[in-house]
Amino acid sequence: MTAEPSDARPGFAELHRGPLPLLLPNAWDVSSALAFTEAGFPAVGTTSFGVNAAHGTPDAGGASRETTRDLVHALRVLPVHVTADVEDGFSDDAGEVAAYVAELGVAGVNLEDSQSGRLVDPGVVAGKIRAIKAAAPGVFVNARVDTYWFGIDATPERTLERAKVYVEAGADGVFVPGRTGAPDAGGLPPEALEKLAAGVPVPLNVLVTALLTLSELGELGVRRVSTGSLPYRAAIDAAVAVATTIRDGGVAPAATGYAQAQQRLEEYAARSR
């Protein structure tokens, strides 16, 4: 895992301007981030669900403040850009949120505009964004609009109203998670994605979907696609499948060898010294 010279890597914002949307894999611990780095991804995010789940706590309750900080501090030595899922900033106080983000030392953060399953006043979120940009102007703030995620005001028009407030406050990107391609209530059909991408002057980020490829999402105007908690959930499924297959008389599946996994950790330990 050889680091590129820092001046040879594209900046994090520049990665959103490639021929395809930036695919951002989301890690939940050091080992998953090491594997994504070895696979050649230029940037790695964290997943609040995965980080919380790995520590036995439910998501979106603010419990991952310290574990997220510890994880991204551990990842800063990697030769990739790191962006952190900080939920709603873990505080209602804009100054506290800004101080927390500035201390992380990451390339970017995701900042949600909801608490406990409800949308919050966009002015409150805008205040946090302004404070972050004042304290850490180089951090790429990806403002998450949860209209479609919770099925509240889930229309392109209402979503754009909130997104534009965040962009005016200094957000560098807008993240609209939802069931991409689903036409039901709260879903994000392709025509909605196209309206959202056309309506914001910053990169639009969505969650990965089984219904549309990266290329197809790019044609709709999407510039970043996050895996979210999918890799974590898929890893748990795969781990259970290994055990049940062997229990039920099958043979053990192929996997990354012990030596290779150990070498990743040895190189990481040397880099961290």
Protein backbone atom coordinates (compact mmCIF):
# COMPACT_ATOMS: atom_id res chain seq x y z
CA MET A 1 0.00 0.00 0.00
CA THR A 2 2.36 2.68 -1.28
CA ALA A 3 1.38 6.30 -0.77
CA GLU A 4 1.31 8.66 -3.70
CA PRO A 5 3.07 11.99 -3.19
CA SER A 6 0.46 14.32 -1.74
CA ASP A 7 0.88 16.81 -4.60
CA ALA A 8 0.20 14.07 -7.18
CA ARG A 9 -3.24 13.15 -5.90
CA PRO A 10 -6.33 14.92 -7.21
CA GLY A 11 -7.97 17.05 -4.54
CA PHE A 12 -11.11 15.66 -2.95
CA ALA A 13 -13.37 18.22 -4.65
CA GLU A 14 -11.73 17.43 -8.00
CA LEU A 15 -12.74 13.77 -7.66
CA HIS A 16 -16.35 14.90 -8.12
CA ARG A 17 -15.56 16.14 -11.64
CA GLY A 18 -14.46 12.87 -13.24
CA PRO A 19 -16.04 11.12 -16.24
CA LEU A 20 -18.10 8.96 -13.85
CA PRO A 21 -19.57 9.84 -10.46
CA LEU A 22 -17.13 9.36 -7.57
CA LEU A 23 -17.89 6.00 -5.97
CA LEU A 24 -17.28 6.43 -2.26
CA PRO A 25 -16.97 3.19 -0.27
CA ASN A 26 -17.90 3.58 3.39
CA ALA A 27 -15.73 1.89 6.01
CA TRP A 28 -16.65 0.98 9.58
CA ASP A 29 -13.20 0.17 10.94
CA VAL A 30 -9.50 0.33 10.05
CA SER A 31 -9.44 -3.06 8.32
CA SER A 32 -12.32 -2.24 5.98
CA ALA A 33 -10.69 1.09 5.12
CA LEU A 34 -7.38 -0.68 4.42
CA ALA A 35 -9.13 -3.10 2.06
CA PHE A 36 -10.86 -0.27 0.18
CA THR A 37 -7.55 1.59 -0.09
CA GLU A 38 -5.77 -1.49 -1.44
CA ALA A 39 -8.56 -1.90 -3.99
CA GLY A 40 -7.60 1.47 -5.44
CA PHE A 41 -10.33 3.82 -4.23
CA PRO A 42 -8.98 7.38 -4.00
CA ALA A 43 -11.32 8.32 -1.15
CA VAL A 44 -12.96 6.44 1.69
CA GLY A 45 -15.89 7.55 3.84
CA THR A 46 -17.12 6.31 7.18
CA THR A 47 -20.62 4.99 7.79
CA SER A 48 -22.36 6.01 11.00
CA PHE A 49 -24.52 2.87 10.85
CA GLY A 50 -21.49 0.61 10.49
CA VAL A 51 -19.48 2.42 13.16
CA ASN A 52 -22.42 2.31 15.56
CA ALA A 53 -23.30 -1.30 14.76
CA ALA A 54 -19.71 -2.45 15.26
CA HIS A 55 -19.94 -1.05 18.80
CA GLY A 56 -23.42 -2.40 19.51
CA THR A 57 -25.32 0.89 19.38
CA PRO A 58 -28.25 1.95 17.16
CA ASP A 59 -27.59 4.48 14.41
CA ALA A 60 -28.48 8.18 14.39
CA GLY A 61 -28.55 8.61 18.15
CA GLY A 62 -25.33 10.58 18.51
CA ALA A 63 -23.47 7.65 20.07
CA SER A 64 -20.74 7.58 17.42
CA ARG A 65 -19.20 10.96 18.24
CA GLU A 66 -16.09 9.54 19.91
CA THR A 67 -15.85 6.34 17.86
CA THR A 68 -16.05 8.31 14.62
CA ARG A 69 -13.38 10.71 15.82
CA ASP A 70 -11.10 7.84 16.87
CA LEU A 71 -11.63 6.03 13.56
CA VAL A 72 -10.89 8.99 11.29
CA HIS A 73 -7.84 9.89 13.36
CA ALA A 74 -6.64 6.33 12.77
CA LEU A 75 -7.31 6.65 9.03
CA ARG A 76 -5.51 9.94 8.47
CA VAL A 77 -2.22 8.14 7.71
CA LEU A 78 -3.73 6.39 4.67
CA PRO A 79 -2.85 7.65 1.16
CA VAL A 80 -6.50 8.43 0.41
CA HIS A 81 -8.94 11.21 1.15
CA VAL A 82 -11.12 10.49 4.18
CA THR A 83 -14.59 11.91 4.69
CA ALA A 84 -16.56 11.38 7.88
CA ASP A 85 -20.25 10.76 8.52
CA VAL A 86 -20.86 13.02 11.52
CA GLU A 87 -24.64 12.55 11.67
CA ASP A 88 -26.06 15.98 12.65
CA GLY A 89 -22.71 17.14 14.05
CA PHE A 90 -23.45 15.63 17.47
CA SER A 91 -24.58 18.97 18.84
CA ASP A 92 -27.19 21.68 18.37
CA ASP A 93 -24.51 24.31 18.91
CA ALA A 94 -22.91 25.43 15.65
CA GLY A 95 -19.65 26.36 17.34
CA GLU A 96 -19.32 22.94 18.95
CA VAL A 97 -20.01 21.24 15.62
CA ALA A 98 -17.39 23.38 13.89
CA ALA A 99 -14.78 22.68 16.56
CA TYR A 100 -15.45 18.94 16.34
CA VAL A 101 -15.12 18.90 12.54
CA ALA A 102 -11.98 21.05 12.55
CA GLU A 103 -10.35 18.67 15.02
CA LEU A 104 -11.07 15.62 12.85
CA GLY A 105 -8.56 16.64 10.19
CA VAL A 106 -10.52 15.05 7.33
CA ALA A 107 -11.11 16.00 3.70
CA GLY A 108 -14.87 16.14 4.12
CA VAL A 109 -17.91 15.51 6.28
CA ASN A 110 -21.54 14.54 5.77
CA LEU A 111 -23.90 16.67 7.84
CA GLU A 112 -27.56 15.58 8.20
CA ASP A 113 -30.56 17.89 8.44
CA SER A 114 -32.60 15.59 10.66
CA GLN A 115 -32.77 14.41 14.25
CA SER A 116 -34.67 11.41 15.61
CA GLY A 117 -36.38 10.83 12.29
CA ARG A 118 -37.57 14.42 11.86
CA LEU A 119 -36.37 17.23 9.63
CA VAL A 120 -34.92 20.18 11.49
CA ASP A 121 -35.10 23.88 10.67
CA PRO A 122 -32.82 24.38 7.65
CA GLY A 123 -31.62 27.62 9.20
CA VAL A 124 -30.09 25.63 12.06
CA VAL A 125 -28.23 23.39 9.62
CA ALA A 126 -27.10 26.41 7.61
CA GLY A 127 -25.64 27.90 10.78
CA LYS A 128 -23.61 24.74 11.37
CA ILE A 129 -22.35 24.79 7.78
CA ARG A 130 -21.26 28.43 8.05
CA ALA A 131 -19.46 27.70 11.31
CA ILE A 132 -17.67 24.67 9.83
CA LYS A 133 -16.52 26.61 6.78
CA ALA A 134 -15.24 29.40 9.00
CA ALA A 135 -13.32 27.03 11.27
CA ALA A 136 -12.14 24.60 8.57
CA PRO A 137 -12.57 26.20 5.14
CA GLY A 138 -10.83 23.33 3.35
CA VAL A 139 -13.30 20.69 4.53
CA PHE A 140 -15.76 19.55 1.85
CA VAL A 141 -19.16 19.87 3.53
CA ASN A 142 -21.69 17.47 2.03
CA ALA A 143 -25.09 18.66 3.25
CA ARG A 144 -27.49 15.75 3.59
CA VAL A 145 -31.15 16.49 2.87
CA ASP A 146 -33.32 13.80 4.47
CA THR A 147 -36.64 14.53 2.77
CA TYR A 148 -36.63 11.32 0.75
CA TRP A 149 -34.89 9.28 3.47
CA PHE A 150 -37.81 9.79 5.84
CA GLY A 151 -40.53 10.43 3.25
CA ILE A 152 -41.18 13.95 4.58
CA ASP A 153 -41.63 16.72 1.97
CA ALA A 154 -40.24 14.15 -0.46
CA THR A 155 -40.50 16.16 -3.66
CA PRO A 156 -37.76 17.71 -5.80
CA GLU A 157 -39.16 21.18 -5.11
CA ARG A 158 -39.13 20.94 -1.30
CA THR A 159 -35.80 19.14 -1.34
CA LEU A 160 -34.26 21.86 -3.49
CA GLU A 161 -35.59 24.55 -1.15
CA ARG A 162 -33.60 23.04 1.70
CA ALA A 163 -30.56 22.26 -0.45
CA LYS A 164 -30.30 25.83 -1.72
CA VAL A 165 -30.24 27.15 1.85
CA TYR A 166 -27.27 24.89 2.57
CA VAL A 167 -25.44 25.84 -0.62
CA GLU A 168 -25.86 29.52 0.19
CA ALA A 169 -24.37 28.80 3.62
CA GLY A 170 -21.27 27.29 1.98
CA ALA A 171 -22.05 23.59 1.41
CA ASP A 172 -19.76 22.05 -1.22
CA GLY A 173 -22.10 19.18 -2.07
CA VAL A 174 -25.65 17.99 -1.46
CA PHE A 175 -26.48 14.43 -0.44
CA VAL A 176 -30.04 13.17 -0.99
CA PRO A 177 -30.31 9.59 0.25
CA GLY A 178 -33.38 7.55 -0.62
CA ARG A 179 -34.57 4.49 -2.46
CA THR A 180 -33.17 5.47 -5.84
CA GLY A 181 -35.32 4.32 -8.73
CA ALA A 182 -38.35 3.51 -6.55
CA PRO A 183 -41.48 5.31 -7.73
CA ASP A 184 -43.42 4.78 -4.47
CA ALA A 185 -43.88 7.46 -1.79
CA GLY A 186 -40.47 8.57 -0.56
CA GLY A 187 -38.69 6.95 -3.49
CA LEU A 188 -36.24 8.74 -5.77
CA PRO A 189 -37.22 8.03 -9.39
CA PRO A 190 -34.76 8.99 -12.14
CA GLU A 191 -36.74 12.09 -13.11
CA ALA A 192 -36.46 13.39 -9.53
CA LEU A 193 -32.70 12.80 -9.55
CA GLU A 194 -32.40 14.71 -12.80
CA LYS A 195 -34.33 17.68 -11.35
CA LEU A 196 -32.23 17.68 -8.20
CA ALA A 197 -28.94 17.52 -10.12
CA ALA A 198 -30.04 20.36 -12.39
CA GLY A 199 -31.32 22.43 -9.48
CA VAL A 200 -28.21 22.61 -7.30
CA PRO A 201 -24.96 24.25 -8.40
CA VAL A 202 -22.83 21.77 -6.43
CA PRO A 203 -22.22 18.01 -6.85
CA LEU A 204 -25.23 15.82 -6.09
CA ASN A 205 -24.57 12.70 -3.99
CA VAL A 206 -26.92 9.70 -3.77
CA LEU A 207 -26.79 6.20 -2.35
CA VAL A 208 -25.79 3.24 -4.49
CA THR A 209 -28.69 1.39 -6.06
CA ALA A 210 -29.17 -1.98 -7.74
CA LEU A 211 -31.41 -0.33 -10.34
CA LEU A 212 -29.00 2.16 -11.93
CA THR A 213 -25.32 1.86 -12.79
CA LEU A 214 -22.70 4.52 -12.06
CA SER A 215 -22.81 5.53 -15.71
CA GLU A 216 -26.60 5.84 -15.68
CA LEU A 217 -26.52 7.90 -12.50
CA GLY A 218 -23.90 10.12 -14.09
CA GLU A 219 -26.13 10.67 -17.12
CA LEU A 220 -28.80 11.97 -14.72
CA GLY A 221 -26.32 14.48 -13.31
CA VAL A 222 -25.22 12.66 -10.14
CA ARG A 223 -21.57 13.32 -9.26
CA ARG A 224 -21.03 11.12 -6.20
CA VAL A 225 -22.43 7.74 -5.16
CA SER A 226 -21.97 6.46 -1.61
CA THR A 227 -22.17 2.82 -0.60
CA GLY A 228 -23.46 3.81 2.84
CA SER A 229 -23.90 0.89 5.21
CA LEU A 230 -24.26 -1.64 2.37
CA PRO A 231 -20.67 -3.01 2.60
CA TYR A 232 -21.05 -3.49 6.37
CA ARG A 233 -24.39 -5.26 6.01
CA ALA A 234 -23.08 -7.38 3.12
CA ALA A 235 -20.00 -8.32 5.18
CA ILE A 236 -22.20 -9.51 8.05
CA ASP A 237 -24.29 -11.56 5.59
CA ALA A 238 -21.13 -13.06 4.09
CA ALA A 239 -19.74 -13.96 7.51
CA VAL A 240 -22.95 -15.75 8.47
CA ALA A 241 -23.00 -17.51 5.08
CA VAL A 242 -19.48 -18.86 5.69
CA ALA A 243 -20.43 -20.35 9.05
CA THR A 244 -23.78 -21.77 7.92
CA THR A 245 -22.30 -23.25 4.72
CA ILE A 246 -19.68 -25.15 6.70
CA ARG A 247 -22.22 -26.15 9.37
CA ASP A 248 -24.54 -27.52 6.69
CA GLY A 249 -21.90 -29.69 5.05
CA GLY A 250 -20.41 -27.31 2.50
CA VAL A 251 -16.79 -26.35 1.98
CA ALA A 252 -15.14 -23.17 3.16
CA PRO A 253 -15.22 -20.40 0.54
CA ALA A 254 -12.16 -18.62 -0.80
CA ALA A 255 -11.17 -15.40 0.96
CA THR A 256 -8.29 -12.98 1.31
CA GLY A 257 -5.38 -14.95 2.71
CA TYR A 258 -4.21 -14.51 6.29
CA ALA A 259 -0.79 -13.42 5.11
CA GLN A 260 -2.21 -10.67 2.88
CA ALA A 261 -4.54 -9.41 5.60
CA GLN A 262 -1.69 -9.45 8.10
CA GLN A 263 0.58 -7.58 5.70
CA ARG A 264 -2.01 -4.80 5.36
CA LEU A 265 -2.03 -4.40 9.13
CA GLU A 266 1.76 -4.50 9.39
CA GLU A 267 2.10 -1.79 6.73
CA TYR A 268 -0.56 0.26 8.46
CA ALA A 269 1.17 -0.11 11.84
CA ALA A 270 4.47 1.03 10.30
CA ARG A 271 2.77 4.02 8.67
CA SER A 272 1.14 4.97 11.98
CA ARG A 273 4.39 5.16 13.93
